[in-house]
Each structure stands twice: as structure tokens, then as C-alpha cells.
Amino acid sequence: MELADRAVGLLLTLTSLSIFTYYTFWVIILASSDHFVHKYFLPQEYAILIPVYAAMALICFLSVFVGYVMLKSKKKKA
């Protein structure tokens, strides 16, 4: 099981690094809108919208998860 956990950890690390690199390149390096590589990236408005929606989804998921765990532990005590 330890090998599977390491593989999942490696996959998550590589995914996070690739997303971080893409986002950094997209937002910081391509500041000028007349660069030829802009046709390979989304419009820069999404540079703010995507992280905000992802953060909102994460907060909602964590809230539901904590609520579910609290309800489940309350039923075990009764």
C-alpha cells in the first residue's frame, strides 16, 4: 500500500507543479497582450475567475465533508 500512496503523492505533486508553472507563465510572464503565445492561453480574465471558483468549490466541499463527519459521529454516540 505504501507504493500506491507514493505514486499518488508523486502524481499530485507533478500535477500541482504543472498547474503552478502554467499559471505563473500565463499571468506573470505574458503581461503584454501583443505576444504571439497568447493564442495558446485562455483570456487573462480567467486568471482571477478560475482560482476564485476553485477556492469556493473547495470551501463548499470541506464544509459538507466536516458536516457529514459531525453528523456521522453524532449518530455513533446515540
PDB file of N, CA and C in Angstrom:
ATOM      1  N   MET A   1       0.820  -1.193   0.000  1.00  0.00           N
ATOM      2  CA  MET A   1       0.000   0.000   0.000  1.00  0.00           C
ATOM      3  C   MET A   1       0.863   1.256   0.000  1.00  0.00           C
ATOM      4  N   GLU A   2       2.052   1.155   0.566  1.00  0.00           N
ATOM      5  CA  GLU A   2       2.918   2.327   0.639  1.00  0.00           C
ATOM      6  C   GLU A   2       3.359   2.777  -0.750  1.00  0.00           C
ATOM      7  N   LEU A   3       3.576   1.839  -1.647  1.00  0.00           N
ATOM      8  CA  LEU A   3       3.971   2.185  -3.014  1.00  0.00           C
ATOM      9  C   LEU A   3       2.847   2.924  -3.734  1.00  0.00           C
ATOM     10  N   ALA A   4       1.618   2.515  -3.520  1.00  0.00           N
ATOM     11  CA  ALA A   4       0.480   3.195  -4.140  1.00  0.00           C
ATOM     12  C   ALA A   4       0.331   4.608  -3.594  1.00  0.00           C
ATOM     13  N   ASP A   5       0.559   4.777  -2.298  1.00  0.00           N
ATOM     14  CA  ASP A   5       0.490   6.110  -1.702  1.00  0.00           C
ATOM     15  C   ASP A   5       1.569   7.018  -2.273  1.00  0.00           C
ATOM     16  N   ARG A   6       2.752   6.477  -2.469  1.00  0.00           N
ATOM     17  CA  ARG A   6       3.840   7.271  -3.054  1.00  0.00           C
ATOM     18  C   ARG A   6       3.532   7.647  -4.494  1.00  0.00           C
ATOM     19  N   ALA A   7       2.931   6.732  -5.237  1.00  0.00           N
ATOM     20  CA  ALA A   7       2.583   7.012  -6.630  1.00  0.00           C
ATOM     21  C   ALA A   7       1.526   8.118  -6.707  1.00  0.00           C
ATOM     22  N   VAL A   8       0.548   8.051  -5.831  1.00  0.00           N
ATOM     23  CA  VAL A   8      -0.490   9.084  -5.803  1.00  0.00           C
ATOM     24  C   VAL A   8       0.118  10.419  -5.396  1.00  0.00           C
ATOM     25  N   GLY A   9       1.003  10.397  -4.403  1.00  0.00           N
ATOM     26  CA  GLY A   9       1.674  11.622  -3.984  1.00  0.00           C
ATOM     27  C   GLY A   9       2.509  12.230  -5.095  1.00  0.00           C
ATOM     28  N   LEU A  10       3.233  11.382  -5.822  1.00  0.00           N
ATOM     29  CA  LEU A  10       4.034  11.862  -6.950  1.00  0.00           C
ATOM     30  C   LEU A  10       3.148  12.449  -8.039  1.00  0.00           C
ATOM     31  N   LEU A  11       2.039  11.784  -8.325  1.00  0.00           N
ATOM     32  CA  LEU A  11       1.112  12.276  -9.343  1.00  0.00           C
ATOM     33  C   LEU A  11       0.518  13.629  -8.933  1.00  0.00           C
ATOM     34  N   LEU A  12       0.128  13.767  -7.671  1.00  0.00           N
ATOM     35  CA  LEU A  12      -0.418  15.034  -7.203  1.00  0.00           C
ATOM     36  C   LEU A  12       0.628  16.143  -7.218  1.00  0.00           C
ATOM     37  N   THR A  13       1.865  15.806  -6.868  1.00  0.00           N
ATOM     38  CA  THR A  13       2.933  16.800  -6.897  1.00  0.00           C
ATOM     39  C   THR A  13       3.213  17.269  -8.314  1.00  0.00           C
ATOM     40  N   LEU A  14       3.303  16.339  -9.246  1.00  0.00           N
ATOM     41  CA  LEU A  14       3.556  16.702 -10.642  1.00  0.00           C
ATOM     42  C   LEU A  14       2.408  17.521 -11.224  1.00  0.00           C
ATOM     43  N   THR A  15       1.184  17.161 -10.879  1.00  0.00           N
ATOM     44  CA  THR A  15       0.026  17.923 -11.348  1.00  0.00           C
ATOM     45  C   THR A  15       0.048  19.337 -10.784  1.00  0.00           C
ATOM     46  N   SER A  16       0.333  19.466  -9.503  1.00  0.00           N
ATOM     47  CA  SER A  16       0.391  20.794  -8.881  1.00  0.00           C
ATOM     48  C   SER A  16       1.496  21.647  -9.478  1.00  0.00           C
ATOM     49  N   LEU A  17       2.650  21.056  -9.700  1.00  0.00           N
ATOM     50  CA  LEU A  17       3.757  21.803 -10.295  1.00  0.00           C
ATOM     51  C   LEU A  17       3.445  22.251 -11.715  1.00  0.00           C
ATOM     52  N   SER A  18       2.803  21.389 -12.483  1.00  0.00           N
ATOM     53  CA  SER A  18       2.487  21.773 -13.859  1.00  0.00           C
ATOM     54  C   SER A  18       1.427  22.876 -13.886  1.00  0.00           C
ATOM     55  N   ILE A  19       0.429  22.810 -13.019  1.00  0.00           N
ATOM     56  CA  ILE A  19      -0.582  23.860 -12.954  1.00  0.00           C
ATOM     57  C   ILE A  19       0.046  25.167 -12.490  1.00  0.00           C
ATOM     58  N   PHE A  20       0.915  25.103 -11.469  1.00  0.00           N
ATOM     59  CA  PHE A  20       1.576  26.307 -10.973  1.00  0.00           C
ATOM     60  C   PHE A  20       2.456  26.932 -12.050  1.00  0.00           C
ATOM     61  N   THR A  21       3.194  26.105 -12.788  1.00  0.00           N
ATOM     62  CA  THR A  21       4.055  26.620 -13.847  1.00  0.00           C
ATOM     63  C   THR A  21       3.237  27.265 -14.956  1.00  0.00           C
ATOM     64  N   TYR A  22       2.171  26.601 -15.379  1.00  0.00           N
ATOM     65  CA  TYR A  22       1.299  27.148 -16.411  1.00  0.00           C
ATOM     66  C   TYR A  22       0.710  28.475 -15.963  1.00  0.00           C
ATOM     67  N   TYR A  23       0.183  28.534 -14.721  1.00  0.00           N
ATOM     68  CA  TYR A  23      -0.445  29.751 -14.212  1.00  0.00           C
ATOM     69  C   TYR A  23       0.571  30.883 -14.106  1.00  0.00           C
ATOM     70  N   THR A  24       1.761  30.579 -13.611  1.00  0.00           N
ATOM     71  CA  THR A  24       2.795  31.600 -13.489  1.00  0.00           C
ATOM     72  C   THR A  24       3.194  32.146 -14.848  1.00  0.00           C
ATOM     73  N   PHE A  25       3.384  31.258 -15.800  1.00  0.00           N
ATOM     74  CA  PHE A  25       3.743  31.682 -17.145  1.00  0.00           C
ATOM     75  C   PHE A  25       2.625  32.518 -17.762  1.00  0.00           C
ATOM     76  N   TRP A  26       1.404  32.104 -17.546  1.00  0.00           N
ATOM     77  CA  TRP A  26       0.234  32.769 -18.118  1.00  0.00           C
ATOM     78  C   TRP A  26       0.045  34.161 -17.545  1.00  0.00           C
ATOM     79  N   VAL A  27       0.132  34.307 -16.230  1.00  0.00           N
ATOM     80  CA  VAL A  27      -0.205  35.571 -15.585  1.00  0.00           C
ATOM     81  C   VAL A  27       0.980  36.523 -15.519  1.00  0.00           C
ATOM     82  N   ILE A  28       2.136  36.039 -15.130  1.00  0.00           N
ATOM     83  CA  ILE A  28       3.254  36.939 -14.862  1.00  0.00           C
ATOM     84  C   ILE A  28       4.084  37.218 -16.108  1.00  0.00           C
ATOM     85  N   ILE A  29       4.470  36.197 -16.819  1.00  0.00           N
ATOM     86  CA  ILE A  29       5.388  36.378 -17.939  1.00  0.00           C
ATOM     87  C   ILE A  29       4.695  36.972 -19.152  1.00  0.00           C
ATOM     88  N   LEU A  30       3.457  36.620 -19.391  1.00  0.00           N
ATOM     89  CA  LEU A  30       2.753  37.104 -20.572  1.00  0.00           C
ATOM     90  C   LEU A  30       1.926  38.341 -20.262  1.00  0.00           C
ATOM     91  N   ALA A  31       2.522  39.309 -19.632  1.00  0.00           N
ATOM     92  CA  ALA A  31       1.794  40.519 -19.244  1.00  0.00           C
ATOM     93  C   ALA A  31       1.381  41.351 -20.458  1.00  0.00           C
ATOM     94  N   SER A  32       2.200  41.372 -21.493  1.00  0.00           N
ATOM     95  CA  SER A  32       1.839  42.148 -22.677  1.00  0.00           C
ATOM     96  C   SER A  32       0.887  41.334 -23.547  1.00  0.00           C
ATOM     97  N   SER A  33      -0.175  41.960 -24.005  1.00  0.00           N
ATOM     98  CA  SER A  33      -1.202  41.222 -24.749  1.00  0.00           C
ATOM     99  C   SER A  33      -0.867  41.059 -26.230  1.00  0.00           C
ATOM    100  N   ASP A  34       0.233  41.626 -26.700  1.00  0.00           N
ATOM    101  CA  ASP A  34       0.566  41.502 -28.113  1.00  0.00           C
ATOM    102  C   ASP A  34       1.566  40.373 -28.398  1.00  0.00           C
ATOM    103  N   HIS A  35       1.848  39.560 -27.392  1.00  0.00           N
ATOM    104  CA  HIS A  35       2.802  38.462 -27.555  1.00  0.00           C
ATOM    105  C   HIS A  35       2.158  37.348 -28.376  1.00  0.00           C
ATOM    106  N   PHE A  36       2.942  36.662 -29.206  1.00  0.00           N
ATOM    107  CA  PHE A  36       2.385  35.653 -30.117  1.00  0.00           C
ATOM    108  C   PHE A  36       1.887  34.398 -29.407  1.00  0.00           C
ATOM    109  N   VAL A  37       2.339  34.133 -28.191  1.00  0.00           N
ATOM    110  CA  VAL A  37       1.920  32.925 -27.493  1.00  0.00           C
ATOM    111  C   VAL A  37       0.554  33.059 -26.837  1.00  0.00           C
ATOM    112  N   HIS A  38      -0.038  34.231 -26.880  1.00  0.00           N
ATOM    113  CA  HIS A  38      -1.344  34.424 -26.256  1.00  0.00           C
ATOM    114  C   HIS A  38      -2.433  33.577 -26.907  1.00  0.00           C
ATOM    115  N   LYS A  39      -2.215  33.148 -28.124  1.00  0.00           N
ATOM    116  CA  LYS A  39      -3.249  32.322 -28.761  1.00  0.00           C
ATOM    117  C   LYS A  39      -3.315  30.926 -28.148  1.00  0.00           C
ATOM    118  N   TYR A  40      -2.316  30.524 -27.345  1.00  0.00           N
ATOM    119  CA  TYR A  40      -2.301  29.212 -26.707  1.00  0.00           C
ATOM    120  C   TYR A  40      -2.862  29.240 -25.289  1.00  0.00           C
ATOM    121  N   PHE A  41      -3.248  30.401 -24.790  1.00  0.00           N
ATOM    122  CA  PHE A  41      -3.723  30.549 -23.423  1.00  0.00           C
ATOM    123  C   PHE A  41      -5.138  31.117 -23.412  1.00  0.00           C
ATOM    124  N   LEU A  42      -5.826  30.903 -22.298  1.00  0.00           N
ATOM    125  CA  LEU A  42      -7.146  31.490 -22.107  1.00  0.00           C
ATOM    126  C   LEU A  42      -7.019  32.996 -21.928  1.00  0.00           C
ATOM    127  N   PRO A  43      -8.121  33.732 -22.089  1.00  0.00           N
ATOM    128  CA  PRO A  43      -8.071  35.172 -21.802  1.00  0.00           C
ATOM    129  C   PRO A  43      -7.665  35.425 -20.343  1.00  0.00           C
ATOM    130  N   GLN A  44      -7.020  36.553 -20.090  1.00  0.00           N
ATOM    131  CA  GLN A  44      -6.473  36.799 -18.761  1.00  0.00           C
ATOM    132  C   GLN A  44      -7.532  37.052 -17.699  1.00  0.00           C
ATOM    133  N   GLU A  45      -8.775  37.290 -18.072  1.00  0.00           N
ATOM    134  CA  GLU A  45      -9.841  37.425 -17.074  1.00  0.00           C
ATOM    135  C   GLU A  45     -10.003  36.132 -16.281  1.00  0.00           C
ATOM    136  N   TYR A  46      -9.753  35.029 -16.944  1.00  0.00           N
ATOM    137  CA  TYR A  46      -9.874  33.731 -16.277  1.00  0.00           C
ATOM    138  C   TYR A  46      -8.770  33.497 -15.250  1.00  0.00           C
ATOM    139  N   ALA A  47      -7.720  34.289 -15.290  1.00  0.00           N
ATOM    140  CA  ALA A  47      -6.630  34.151 -14.320  1.00  0.00           C
ATOM    141  C   ALA A  47      -7.122  34.453 -12.909  1.00  0.00           C
ATOM    142  N   ILE A  48      -8.162  35.251 -12.789  1.00  0.00           N
ATOM    143  CA  ILE A  48      -8.752  35.536 -11.488  1.00  0.00           C
ATOM    144  C   ILE A  48      -9.967  34.651 -11.238  1.00  0.00           C
ATOM    145  N   LEU A  49     -10.776  34.447 -12.267  1.00  0.00           N
ATOM    146  CA  LEU A  49     -12.026  33.699 -12.090  1.00  0.00           C
ATOM    147  C   LEU A  49     -11.795  32.233 -11.722  1.00  0.00           C
ATOM    148  N   ILE A  50     -10.860  31.575 -12.367  1.00  0.00           N
ATOM    149  CA  ILE A  50     -10.633  30.144 -12.110  1.00  0.00           C
ATOM    150  C   ILE A  50     -10.192  29.893 -10.663  1.00  0.00           C
ATOM    151  N   PRO A  51      -9.183  30.605 -10.129  1.00  0.00           N
ATOM    152  CA  PRO A  51      -8.816  30.357  -8.722  1.00  0.00           C
ATOM    153  C   PRO A  51      -9.918  30.709  -7.725  1.00  0.00           C
ATOM    154  N   VAL A  52     -10.700  31.755  -8.014  1.00  0.00           N
ATOM    155  CA  VAL A  52     -11.786  32.121  -7.104  1.00  0.00           C
ATOM    156  C   VAL A  52     -12.844  31.025  -7.077  1.00  0.00           C
ATOM    157  N   TYR A  53     -13.251  30.533  -8.236  1.00  0.00           N
ATOM    158  CA  TYR A  53     -14.243  29.456  -8.271  1.00  0.00           C
ATOM    159  C   TYR A  53     -13.692  28.170  -7.678  1.00  0.00           C
ATOM    160  N   ALA A  54     -12.422  27.884  -7.891  1.00  0.00           N
ATOM    161  CA  ALA A  54     -11.813  26.689  -7.303  1.00  0.00           C
ATOM    162  C   ALA A  54     -11.784  26.801  -5.781  1.00  0.00           C
ATOM    163  N   ALA A  55     -11.460  27.977  -5.264  1.00  0.00           N
ATOM    164  CA  ALA A  55     -11.440  28.176  -3.812  1.00  0.00           C
ATOM    165  C   ALA A  55     -12.847  28.049  -3.226  1.00  0.00           C
ATOM    166  N   MET A  56     -13.840  28.597  -3.922  1.00  0.00           N
ATOM    167  CA  MET A  56     -15.224  28.480  -3.448  1.00  0.00           C
ATOM    168  C   MET A  56     -15.673  27.023  -3.436  1.00  0.00           C
ATOM    169  N   ALA A  57     -15.327  26.279  -4.473  1.00  0.00           N
ATOM    170  CA  ALA A  57     -15.694  24.867  -4.534  1.00  0.00           C
ATOM    171  C   ALA A  57     -15.002  24.081  -3.419  1.00  0.00           C
ATOM    172  N   LEU A  58     -13.745  24.396  -3.153  1.00  0.00           N
ATOM    173  CA  LEU A  58     -13.012  23.716  -2.088  1.00  0.00           C
ATOM    174  C   LEU A  58     -13.627  24.007  -0.724  1.00  0.00           C
ATOM    175  N   ILE A  59     -13.980  25.255  -0.476  1.00  0.00           N
ATOM    176  CA  ILE A  59     -14.600  25.618   0.802  1.00  0.00           C
ATOM    177  C   ILE A  59     -15.947  24.917   0.959  1.00  0.00           C
ATOM    178  N   CYS A  60     -16.737  24.866  -0.112  1.00  0.00           N
ATOM    179  CA  CYS A  60     -18.030  24.170  -0.050  1.00  0.00           C
ATOM    180  C   CYS A  60     -17.836  22.676   0.215  1.00  0.00           C
ATOM    181  N   PHE A  61     -16.885  22.062  -0.472  1.00  0.00           N
ATOM    182  CA  PHE A  61     -16.619  20.642  -0.278  1.00  0.00           C
ATOM    183  C   PHE A  61     -16.168  20.364   1.151  1.00  0.00           C
ATOM    184  N   LEU A  62     -15.260  21.178   1.671  1.00  0.00           N
ATOM    185  CA  LEU A  62     -14.781  20.972   3.039  1.00  0.00           C
ATOM    186  C   LEU A  62     -15.894  21.174   4.053  1.00  0.00           C
ATOM    187  N   SER A  63     -16.775  22.140   3.826  1.00  0.00           N
ATOM    188  CA  SER A  63     -17.895  22.367   4.732  1.00  0.00           C
ATOM    189  C   SER A  63     -18.845  21.177   4.749  1.00  0.00           C
ATOM    190  N   VAL A  64     -19.157  20.657   3.582  1.00  0.00           N
ATOM    191  CA  VAL A  64     -20.039  19.489   3.503  1.00  0.00           C
ATOM    192  C   VAL A  64     -19.375  18.279   4.151  1.00  0.00           C
ATOM    193  N   PHE A  65     -18.083  18.095   3.927  1.00  0.00           N
ATOM    194  CA  PHE A  65     -17.363  16.967   4.500  1.00  0.00           C
ATOM    195  C   PHE A  65     -17.335  17.040   6.024  1.00  0.00           C
ATOM    196  N   VAL A  66     -17.026  18.215   6.561  1.00  0.00           N
ATOM    197  CA  VAL A  66     -16.993  18.371   8.022  1.00  0.00           C
ATOM    198  C   VAL A  66     -18.389  18.156   8.603  1.00  0.00           C
ATOM    199  N   GLY A  67     -19.418  18.686   7.952  1.00  0.00           N
ATOM    200  CA  GLY A  67     -20.783  18.475   8.415  1.00  0.00           C
ATOM    201  C   GLY A  67     -21.175  17.003   8.396  1.00  0.00           C
ATOM    202  N   TYR A  68     -20.784  16.293   7.342  1.00  0.00           N
ATOM    203  CA  TYR A  68     -21.080  14.863   7.232  1.00  0.00           C
ATOM    204  C   TYR A  68     -20.381  14.081   8.343  1.00  0.00           C
ATOM    205  N   VAL A  69     -19.131  14.392   8.603  1.00  0.00           N
ATOM    206  CA  VAL A  69     -18.386  13.695   9.651  1.00  0.00           C
ATOM    207  C   VAL A  69     -18.992  13.986  11.023  1.00  0.00           C
ATOM    208  N   MET A  70     -19.403  15.228  11.234  1.00  0.00           N
ATOM    209  CA  MET A  70     -20.017  15.563  12.522  1.00  0.00           C
ATOM    210  C   MET A  70     -21.333  14.827  12.710  1.00  0.00           C
ATOM    211  N   LEU A  71     -22.153  14.752  11.673  1.00  0.00           N
ATOM    212  CA  LEU A  71     -23.418  14.024  11.776  1.00  0.00           C
ATOM    213  C   LEU A  71     -23.187  12.530  11.983  1.00  0.00           C
ATOM    214  N   LYS A  72     -22.202  11.987  11.303  1.00  0.00           N
ATOM    215  CA  LYS A  72     -21.909  10.555  11.420  1.00  0.00           C
ATOM    216  C   LYS A  72     -21.399  10.224  12.820  1.00  0.00           C
ATOM    217  N   SER A  73     -20.545  11.081  13.379  1.00  0.00           N
ATOM    218  CA  SER A  73     -20.039  10.810  14.723  1.00  0.00           C
ATOM    219  C   SER A  73     -21.125  11.002  15.782  1.00  0.00           C
ATOM    220  N   LYS A  74     -22.076  11.888  15.503  1.00  0.00           N
ATOM    221  CA  LYS A  74     -23.178  12.097  16.450  1.00  0.00           C
ATOM    222  C   LYS A  74     -24.088  10.878  16.486  1.00  0.00           C
ATOM    223  N   LYS A  75     -24.301  10.230  15.333  1.00  0.00           N
ATOM    224  CA  LYS A  75     -25.139   9.033  15.284  1.00  0.00           C
ATOM    225  C   LYS A  75     -24.486   7.854  15.997  1.00  0.00           C
ATOM    226  N   LYS A  76     -23.152   7.784  15.954  1.00  0.00           N
ATOM    227  CA  LYS A  76     -22.458   6.686  16.635  1.00  0.00           C
ATOM    228  C   LYS A  76     -22.594   6.785  18.150  1.00  0.00           C
ATOM    229  N   LYS A  77     -22.634   8.005  18.685  1.00  0.00           N
ATOM    230  CA  LYS A  77     -22.749   8.188  20.133  1.00  0.00           C
ATOM    231  C   LYS A  77     -24.140   7.809  20.622  1.00  0.00           C
ATOM    232  N   ALA A  78     -25.167   8.014  19.810  1.00  0.00           N
ATOM    233  CA  ALA A  78     -26.542   7.751  20.224  1.00  0.00           C
ATOM    234  C   ALA A  78     -26.911   6.292  20.179  1.00  0.00           C
TER     235      ALA A  78
END
